[in-house]
N, C-alpha and C. Protein backbone atom coordinates (compact mmCIF):
# COMPACT_ATOMS: atom_id res chain seq x y z
N LEU A 1 -15.82 -25.18 40.02
CA LEU A 1 -15.08 -24.58 40.90
C LEU A 1 -14.19 -25.37 41.41
N ILE A 2 -12.97 -25.17 41.18
CA ILE A 2 -11.90 -25.81 41.93
C ILE A 2 -11.07 -24.98 43.08
N GLY A 3 -11.43 -23.48 43.41
CA GLY A 3 -11.00 -22.98 44.40
C GLY A 3 -11.24 -21.50 44.61
N LEU A 4 -11.12 -20.98 45.66
CA LEU A 4 -11.40 -19.30 45.90
C LEU A 4 -9.99 -18.97 46.53
N LYS A 5 -9.55 -18.09 45.82
CA LYS A 5 -8.33 -17.41 46.11
C LYS A 5 -8.58 -15.90 46.47
N ARG A 6 -7.76 -15.29 47.28
CA ARG A 6 -7.94 -13.92 47.41
C ARG A 6 -6.60 -13.15 46.72
N MET A 7 -7.23 -12.19 45.87
CA MET A 7 -6.11 -11.61 45.19
C MET A 7 -5.78 -10.13 45.43
N THR A 8 -4.47 -9.77 45.45
CA THR A 8 -4.08 -8.49 45.71
C THR A 8 -4.29 -7.61 44.53
N SER A 9 -4.18 -8.26 43.39
CA SER A 9 -4.22 -7.39 42.21
C SER A 9 -5.23 -8.23 41.43
N VAL A 10 -5.94 -7.31 40.62
CA VAL A 10 -7.28 -7.81 39.72
C VAL A 10 -6.89 -7.74 38.20
N ASP A 11 -5.89 -7.48 37.84
CA ASP A 11 -5.61 -7.09 36.26
C ASP A 11 -5.60 -8.65 35.79
N ALA A 12 -5.94 -8.62 34.31
CA ALA A 12 -6.26 -9.85 33.57
C ALA A 12 -4.92 -10.71 33.89
N GLU A 13 -3.71 -10.04 33.70
CA GLU A 13 -2.47 -10.97 33.97
C GLU A 13 -2.44 -11.72 35.33
N SER A 14 -2.84 -11.04 36.11
CA SER A 14 -2.52 -11.45 37.73
C SER A 14 -3.74 -12.76 38.03
N ILE A 15 -4.74 -12.39 37.32
CA ILE A 15 -5.87 -13.36 37.46
C ILE A 15 -5.63 -14.50 36.61
N PHE A 16 -5.01 -14.38 35.49
CA PHE A 16 -4.65 -15.70 34.52
C PHE A 16 -3.70 -16.48 35.39
N ASN A 17 -2.56 -15.84 35.94
CA ASN A 17 -1.64 -16.27 36.42
C ASN A 17 -2.21 -17.11 37.87
N MET A 18 -3.10 -16.67 38.52
CA MET A 18 -3.50 -17.08 39.74
C MET A 18 -4.39 -18.53 39.12
N LEU A 19 -5.14 -18.55 38.26
CA LEU A 19 -6.09 -19.49 37.79
C LEU A 19 -4.82 -20.51 37.08
N THR A 20 -4.12 -20.50 36.51
CA THR A 20 -2.97 -21.22 36.25
C THR A 20 -2.36 -21.77 37.31
N SER A 21 -1.87 -20.93 38.58
CA SER A 21 -1.54 -21.47 39.67
C SER A 21 -2.28 -22.68 40.33
N VAL A 22 -3.79 -22.47 40.47
CA VAL A 22 -5.03 -23.38 41.01
C VAL A 22 -4.80 -24.54 40.12
N LEU A 23 -4.77 -24.58 38.87
CA LEU A 23 -4.86 -25.66 37.84
C LEU A 23 -3.76 -26.44 38.07
N GLN A 24 -2.31 -25.94 38.30
CA GLN A 24 -1.44 -26.63 38.68
C GLN A 24 -1.15 -27.53 39.95
N GLN A 25 -1.87 -26.89 41.17
CA GLN A 25 -2.13 -27.34 42.26
C GLN A 25 -2.81 -28.73 42.23
N PHE A 26 -3.82 -28.76 41.24
CA PHE A 26 -4.46 -30.08 40.87
C PHE A 26 -3.75 -30.79 39.83
N SER A 27 -2.46 -30.68 39.50
CA SER A 27 -1.87 -31.44 38.38
C SER A 27 -2.38 -31.48 37.07
N LYS A 28 -3.45 -30.08 36.88
CA LYS A 28 -3.97 -29.87 35.24
C LYS A 28 -3.22 -29.02 34.79
N ASP A 29 -3.31 -28.69 33.51
CA ASP A 29 -2.88 -27.57 32.93
C ASP A 29 -4.17 -27.22 31.70
N TRP A 30 -3.83 -25.97 31.16
CA TRP A 30 -5.06 -25.55 30.17
C TRP A 30 -5.51 -26.52 28.92
N SER A 31 -4.84 -27.38 28.70
CA SER A 31 -5.48 -28.35 27.83
C SER A 31 -6.60 -29.53 28.46
N THR A 32 -6.74 -29.14 29.72
CA THR A 32 -7.77 -29.98 30.16
C THR A 32 -9.01 -29.20 30.47
N VAL A 33 -9.05 -27.96 30.31
CA VAL A 33 -10.13 -27.16 30.55
C VAL A 33 -11.36 -26.98 29.32
N LEU A 34 -12.19 -27.12 29.40
CA LEU A 34 -13.55 -27.26 28.39
C LEU A 34 -14.10 -25.65 28.27
N ALA A 35 -14.22 -24.94 29.19
CA ALA A 35 -14.78 -23.81 29.28
C ALA A 35 -14.39 -22.81 30.55
N VAL A 36 -14.56 -21.67 30.32
CA VAL A 36 -14.43 -20.62 31.59
C VAL A 36 -15.61 -19.62 31.44
N CYS A 37 -15.94 -19.49 32.83
CA CYS A 37 -17.12 -18.57 32.83
C CYS A 37 -17.03 -17.46 33.78
N PHE A 38 -17.10 -16.01 33.07
CA PHE A 38 -16.74 -14.90 33.69
C PHE A 38 -17.94 -14.02 33.81
N ASP A 39 -17.67 -12.92 34.37
CA ASP A 39 -18.81 -11.89 34.14
C ASP A 39 -18.32 -11.01 32.84
N GLY A 40 -19.00 -9.99 32.45
CA GLY A 40 -19.00 -9.26 31.36
C GLY A 40 -17.72 -8.17 31.46
N ALA A 41 -16.85 -8.05 32.68
CA ALA A 41 -16.19 -7.10 32.68
C ALA A 41 -14.93 -7.05 31.61
N SER A 42 -14.26 -6.14 31.00
CA SER A 42 -13.39 -6.23 29.97
C SER A 42 -12.28 -6.91 30.78
N THR A 43 -11.95 -6.96 31.84
CA THR A 43 -10.63 -7.79 32.31
C THR A 43 -10.99 -9.14 32.27
N MET A 44 -12.06 -9.61 32.43
CA MET A 44 -12.38 -10.95 32.45
C MET A 44 -12.76 -11.39 30.97
N SER A 45 -13.61 -10.62 30.31
CA SER A 45 -14.03 -11.47 28.78
C SER A 45 -13.49 -10.56 27.76
N GLY A 46 -12.40 -9.83 27.92
CA GLY A 46 -11.75 -9.20 26.64
C GLY A 46 -11.37 -10.19 25.85
N SER A 47 -11.73 -10.12 24.53
CA SER A 47 -10.98 -10.96 23.64
C SER A 47 -9.64 -10.62 23.19
N ILE A 48 -8.84 -9.51 23.42
CA ILE A 48 -7.89 -9.19 23.00
C ILE A 48 -6.75 -9.30 24.20
N SER A 49 -6.95 -9.00 25.49
CA SER A 49 -5.80 -8.74 26.35
C SER A 49 -6.66 -9.41 27.68
N GLY A 50 -8.05 -9.67 27.82
CA GLY A 50 -8.65 -10.08 28.80
C GLY A 50 -8.35 -11.41 29.55
N VAL A 51 -8.78 -11.93 30.47
CA VAL A 51 -8.49 -13.39 31.00
C VAL A 51 -8.90 -14.40 30.21
N GLN A 52 -10.13 -14.18 29.39
CA GLN A 52 -10.31 -15.23 28.27
C GLN A 52 -9.68 -15.38 27.19
N ALA A 53 -8.95 -14.21 26.73
CA ALA A 53 -8.17 -14.33 25.72
C ALA A 53 -6.77 -15.12 25.99
N ARG A 54 -6.46 -14.62 27.44
CA ARG A 54 -5.33 -15.63 27.61
C ARG A 54 -5.40 -17.04 27.92
N CYS A 55 -6.73 -17.26 28.25
CA CYS A 55 -6.76 -18.75 28.38
C CYS A 55 -6.98 -19.47 26.92
N LYS A 56 -7.69 -18.56 25.90
CA LYS A 56 -7.48 -19.12 24.64
C LYS A 56 -6.15 -19.48 24.08
N GLN A 57 -5.36 -18.42 24.54
CA GLN A 57 -3.85 -18.54 24.06
C GLN A 57 -3.54 -19.84 24.35
N GLU A 58 -3.69 -20.19 25.76
CA GLU A 58 -3.26 -21.65 25.96
C GLU A 58 -3.88 -22.74 25.66
N ASN A 59 -5.27 -22.85 25.18
CA ASN A 59 -5.98 -23.72 24.45
C ASN A 59 -7.18 -23.07 23.84
N ASN A 60 -7.02 -22.97 22.46
CA ASN A 60 -7.87 -22.16 21.52
C ASN A 60 -9.22 -23.02 21.35
N ASN A 61 -9.20 -24.07 21.97
CA ASN A 61 -10.54 -24.71 21.87
C ASN A 61 -11.71 -24.39 23.14
N ILE A 62 -11.00 -23.65 24.31
CA ILE A 62 -11.80 -23.00 25.28
C ILE A 62 -13.27 -22.57 25.06
N PHE A 63 -13.98 -22.52 25.50
CA PHE A 63 -15.33 -21.68 25.55
C PHE A 63 -15.39 -20.98 26.26
N TYR A 64 -15.83 -19.52 26.16
CA TYR A 64 -16.22 -18.68 27.04
C TYR A 64 -17.66 -18.62 27.11
N ILE A 65 -17.92 -18.44 28.60
CA ILE A 65 -19.46 -18.39 28.62
C ILE A 65 -19.65 -17.19 29.71
N HIS A 66 -20.49 -16.21 29.36
CA HIS A 66 -20.95 -15.08 30.34
C HIS A 66 -21.74 -15.57 31.30
N CYS A 67 -21.11 -15.28 32.56
CA CYS A 67 -22.01 -15.98 33.97
C CYS A 67 -23.38 -15.66 33.94
N TYR A 68 -24.31 -16.75 33.92
CA TYR A 68 -25.57 -16.55 33.74
C TYR A 68 -26.20 -15.86 35.20
N ALA A 69 -25.59 -16.13 36.18
CA ALA A 69 -25.79 -15.58 37.71
C ALA A 69 -25.75 -14.33 37.59
N HIS A 70 -24.66 -13.87 37.02
CA HIS A 70 -24.31 -12.26 36.89
C HIS A 70 -25.22 -11.96 36.06
N CYS A 71 -25.93 -12.26 34.91
CA CYS A 71 -26.72 -11.90 33.93
C CYS A 71 -28.18 -11.84 34.73
N LEU A 72 -28.40 -12.71 35.46
CA LEU A 72 -29.53 -12.61 36.41
C LEU A 72 -29.46 -11.51 37.23
N ASN A 73 -28.25 -11.04 37.94
CA ASN A 73 -28.07 -10.12 38.90
C ASN A 73 -28.53 -8.77 38.04
N LEU A 74 -27.89 -8.56 36.93
CA LEU A 74 -28.00 -7.52 36.36
C LEU A 74 -29.55 -7.23 35.65
N ALA A 75 -30.16 -8.27 35.45
CA ALA A 75 -31.52 -8.31 34.99
C ALA A 75 -32.48 -7.68 36.12
N LEU A 76 -31.98 -8.23 37.54
CA LEU A 76 -32.82 -8.17 38.39
C LEU A 76 -32.85 -6.37 39.13
N ILE A 77 -31.53 -6.19 39.01
CA ILE A 77 -31.44 -4.47 39.17
C ILE A 77 -32.07 -3.69 38.13
N ASP A 78 -31.90 -4.07 36.83
CA ASP A 78 -32.76 -3.36 35.92
C ASP A 78 -34.37 -3.46 36.24
N SER A 79 -34.82 -4.69 36.82
CA SER A 79 -36.24 -4.73 37.02
C SER A 79 -36.52 -3.95 38.20
N ILE A 80 -35.67 -3.70 39.04
CA ILE A 80 -36.47 -2.72 40.23
C ILE A 80 -35.80 -1.26 39.86
N CYS A 81 -35.51 -0.95 38.61
CA CYS A 81 -35.08 0.61 38.46
C CYS A 81 -36.15 0.81 37.47
N GLU A 82 -36.45 2.31 37.29
CA GLU A 82 -37.34 2.94 36.38
C GLU A 82 -36.56 3.73 35.40
N LYS A 83 -36.65 3.94 34.01
CA LYS A 83 -36.18 4.81 33.03
C LYS A 83 -36.56 5.96 33.48
N SER A 84 -35.55 7.13 33.67
CA SER A 84 -35.79 8.40 33.78
C SER A 84 -34.71 9.25 33.28
N ASN A 85 -34.93 10.53 33.28
CA ASN A 85 -34.06 11.51 32.46
C ASN A 85 -32.95 11.81 33.47
N THR A 86 -32.58 11.08 34.35
CA THR A 86 -31.43 11.32 35.15
C THR A 86 -30.25 10.94 34.42
N LYS A 87 -28.94 11.34 34.99
CA LYS A 87 -27.75 10.86 34.12
C LYS A 87 -27.49 9.59 34.15
N SER A 88 -27.76 8.63 34.97
CA SER A 88 -27.38 7.38 34.94
C SER A 88 -28.58 6.85 33.84
N GLY A 89 -29.56 7.25 33.79
CA GLY A 89 -30.89 6.89 33.10
C GLY A 89 -31.79 5.76 33.90
N LEU A 90 -31.45 5.96 35.11
CA LEU A 90 -32.17 4.74 35.92
C LEU A 90 -32.85 5.73 37.12
N LYS A 91 -33.90 5.32 37.66
CA LYS A 91 -34.50 6.00 39.10
C LYS A 91 -34.79 5.10 39.73
N ASN A 92 -34.62 4.75 40.93
CA ASN A 92 -34.69 3.81 41.97
C ASN A 92 -36.21 3.73 42.25
N SER A 93 -36.62 2.46 42.22
CA SER A 93 -38.15 2.17 42.98
C SER A 93 -37.95 2.33 44.42
N SER A 94 -38.46 3.15 45.06
CA SER A 94 -37.99 3.64 46.42
C SER A 94 -38.27 2.79 47.29
N LEU A 95 -39.34 2.01 47.18
CA LEU A 95 -39.98 0.89 48.19
C LEU A 95 -38.91 -0.19 48.61
N ILE A 96 -38.26 -0.65 46.99
CA ILE A 96 -37.46 -1.73 46.82
C ILE A 96 -36.33 -1.08 47.28
N PHE A 97 -35.62 -0.15 46.89
CA PHE A 97 -34.41 0.60 47.21
C PHE A 97 -34.22 0.76 48.67
N ASP A 98 -35.38 1.55 49.28
CA ASP A 98 -35.37 1.53 51.02
C ASP A 98 -35.22 0.29 51.39
N PHE A 99 -35.84 -0.57 51.30
CA PHE A 99 -35.72 -1.96 51.97
C PHE A 99 -34.11 -2.53 51.84
N LEU A 100 -33.77 -2.53 50.25
CA LEU A 100 -32.34 -3.03 50.30
C LEU A 100 -31.31 -2.05 50.89
N GLY A 101 -31.53 -0.92 50.89
CA GLY A 101 -30.77 0.30 51.45
C GLY A 101 -30.74 -0.25 53.00
N THR A 102 -31.69 -0.42 53.59
CA THR A 102 -31.62 -1.07 55.09
C THR A 102 -30.98 -2.09 55.35
N VAL A 103 -31.04 -3.27 54.46
CA VAL A 103 -30.28 -4.56 54.66
C VAL A 103 -28.77 -3.96 54.52
N GLN A 104 -28.57 -3.27 53.48
CA GLN A 104 -27.10 -2.84 53.33
C GLN A 104 -26.61 -2.14 54.57
N PHE A 105 -27.32 -1.25 54.95
CA PHE A 105 -26.76 -0.45 56.23
C PHE A 105 -26.74 -1.52 57.51
N VAL A 106 -27.45 -2.33 57.68
CA VAL A 106 -27.36 -3.20 58.78
C VAL A 106 -26.11 -4.03 58.61
N TYR A 107 -25.69 -4.63 57.12
CA TYR A 107 -24.53 -5.14 57.05
C TYR A 107 -23.17 -4.34 57.25
N THR A 108 -23.25 -3.24 56.84
CA THR A 108 -22.22 -2.23 56.91
C THR A 108 -22.11 -1.85 58.50
N PHE A 109 -23.09 -1.62 59.17
CA PHE A 109 -22.85 -1.15 60.44
C PHE A 109 -22.18 -2.53 61.38
N LEU A 110 -22.79 -3.73 61.24
CA LEU A 110 -22.07 -4.87 61.58
C LEU A 110 -20.70 -5.30 61.23
N GLU A 111 -20.77 -5.34 60.16
CA GLU A 111 -19.30 -5.97 59.61
C GLU A 111 -18.10 -4.98 59.30
N ASN A 112 -18.50 -3.68 59.53
CA ASN A 112 -17.49 -2.73 59.45
C ASN A 112 -16.80 -2.53 61.06
N SER A 113 -17.34 -3.34 61.87
CA SER A 113 -16.74 -3.02 63.28
C SER A 113 -16.45 -4.60 63.71
N PRO A 114 -15.13 -4.66 64.02
CA PRO A 114 -14.92 -6.06 64.71
C PRO A 114 -15.59 -6.28 65.87
N ILE A 115 -15.85 -5.07 66.77
CA ILE A 115 -16.49 -5.20 67.98
C ILE A 115 -18.12 -5.60 67.90
N ARG A 116 -18.76 -4.77 67.06
CA ARG A 116 -20.13 -5.23 66.82
C ARG A 116 -20.28 -6.67 66.16
N HIS A 117 -19.41 -7.27 65.32
CA HIS A 117 -19.52 -8.47 64.60
C HIS A 117 -19.16 -9.26 65.71
N ALA A 118 -18.30 -8.98 66.76
CA ALA A 118 -18.08 -10.01 68.00
C ALA A 118 -19.22 -9.99 68.83
N VAL A 119 -19.85 -8.83 69.04
CA VAL A 119 -21.33 -8.83 69.98
C VAL A 119 -22.35 -9.74 69.20
N LEU A 120 -22.59 -9.78 68.08
CA LEU A 120 -23.51 -10.26 67.26
C LEU A 120 -23.04 -12.05 67.42
N GLU A 121 -21.70 -12.26 67.23
CA GLU A 121 -21.23 -13.61 67.15
C GLU A 121 -21.86 -14.19 68.56
N ASN A 122 -21.38 -13.55 69.61
CA ASN A 122 -21.72 -14.00 70.90
C ASN A 122 -23.14 -14.02 71.40
N ILE A 123 -23.99 -13.24 70.86
CA ILE A 123 -25.16 -13.17 70.85
C ILE A 123 -25.89 -14.71 70.49
N ALA A 124 -25.57 -14.86 69.43
CA ALA A 124 -25.76 -16.29 68.65
C ALA A 124 -25.30 -17.47 69.46
N LYS A 125 -24.14 -17.21 69.73
CA LYS A 125 -23.52 -18.36 70.48
C LYS A 125 -24.22 -18.60 71.97
N GLU A 126 -24.29 -17.45 72.72
CA GLU A 126 -25.20 -17.50 73.97
C GLU A 126 -26.59 -18.11 74.11
N SER A 127 -27.16 -17.82 72.77
CA SER A 127 -28.54 -18.36 72.42
C SER A 127 -28.64 -19.58 71.90
N GLY A 128 -27.47 -20.14 71.72
CA GLY A 128 -27.37 -21.59 70.96
C GLY A 128 -27.87 -21.54 69.46
N GLN A 129 -27.73 -20.66 68.70
CA GLN A 129 -27.83 -20.53 67.68
C GLN A 129 -26.75 -20.53 66.59
N ARG A 130 -26.71 -21.20 65.62
CA ARG A 130 -25.60 -21.23 64.67
C ARG A 130 -25.44 -19.92 64.14
N PHE A 131 -24.20 -19.25 64.02
CA PHE A 131 -23.87 -17.92 63.60
C PHE A 131 -23.64 -17.90 62.10
N LEU A 132 -24.49 -16.99 61.24
CA LEU A 132 -24.17 -16.93 59.90
C LEU A 132 -23.80 -15.51 59.35
N THR A 133 -22.67 -15.67 58.93
CA THR A 133 -22.25 -14.18 58.51
C THR A 133 -23.01 -13.68 57.44
N LEU A 134 -23.22 -12.43 57.62
CA LEU A 134 -23.79 -11.42 56.80
C LEU A 134 -23.12 -11.06 55.60
N LYS A 135 -23.61 -11.23 54.53
CA LYS A 135 -23.24 -10.85 53.07
C LYS A 135 -23.56 -9.54 52.42
N SER A 136 -22.62 -8.59 51.82
CA SER A 136 -23.09 -7.37 51.58
C SER A 136 -23.96 -7.65 50.00
N LEU A 137 -24.78 -6.50 49.80
CA LEU A 137 -25.74 -6.59 48.79
C LEU A 137 -24.80 -6.09 47.51
N SER A 138 -24.96 -6.66 46.47
CA SER A 138 -24.25 -6.24 45.27
C SER A 138 -25.15 -5.97 44.21
N THR A 139 -24.74 -5.03 43.51
CA THR A 139 -25.47 -4.58 42.08
C THR A 139 -24.87 -5.25 40.89
N THR A 140 -23.77 -4.96 40.75
CA THR A 140 -23.21 -6.10 39.56
C THR A 140 -21.66 -6.25 39.73
N ARG A 141 -21.15 -5.35 40.82
CA ARG A 141 -19.70 -5.96 40.96
C ARG A 141 -19.61 -7.12 41.69
N TRP A 142 -18.98 -7.93 41.26
CA TRP A 142 -18.66 -9.61 42.01
C TRP A 142 -17.35 -9.79 42.46
N ALA A 143 -16.36 -8.69 42.44
CA ALA A 143 -14.91 -8.94 42.88
C ALA A 143 -14.98 -9.20 44.17
């Protein structure tokens, strides 16, 4: 990992251009890259017009690796779902999803309001505790 950048457009060309820009900031080019690791979304992993394909156009020796953390995330989500006859084919395990839903609700409640976020930050400061920001739960979308 050499950088984290906020993207306003997340199509393959924009992402590839940002990656190229980050490489240039470190005086590197695609010939120095051994592998790229992305999730399985076609924008990233597409072998014809995805980011992976654009990387290979610049350096045909680059290896594409499907992100193992993303694979683990997908496996965990599958493990807390039961097969059913619903449209999606998945039925939520109610206890786990109730818990995760509550955690997500707390995140949304606090983080969707700058005022509530500031109150939480002030409570941590006044009690001498280090303020840690909350993170949203994610099923599979990592963007």
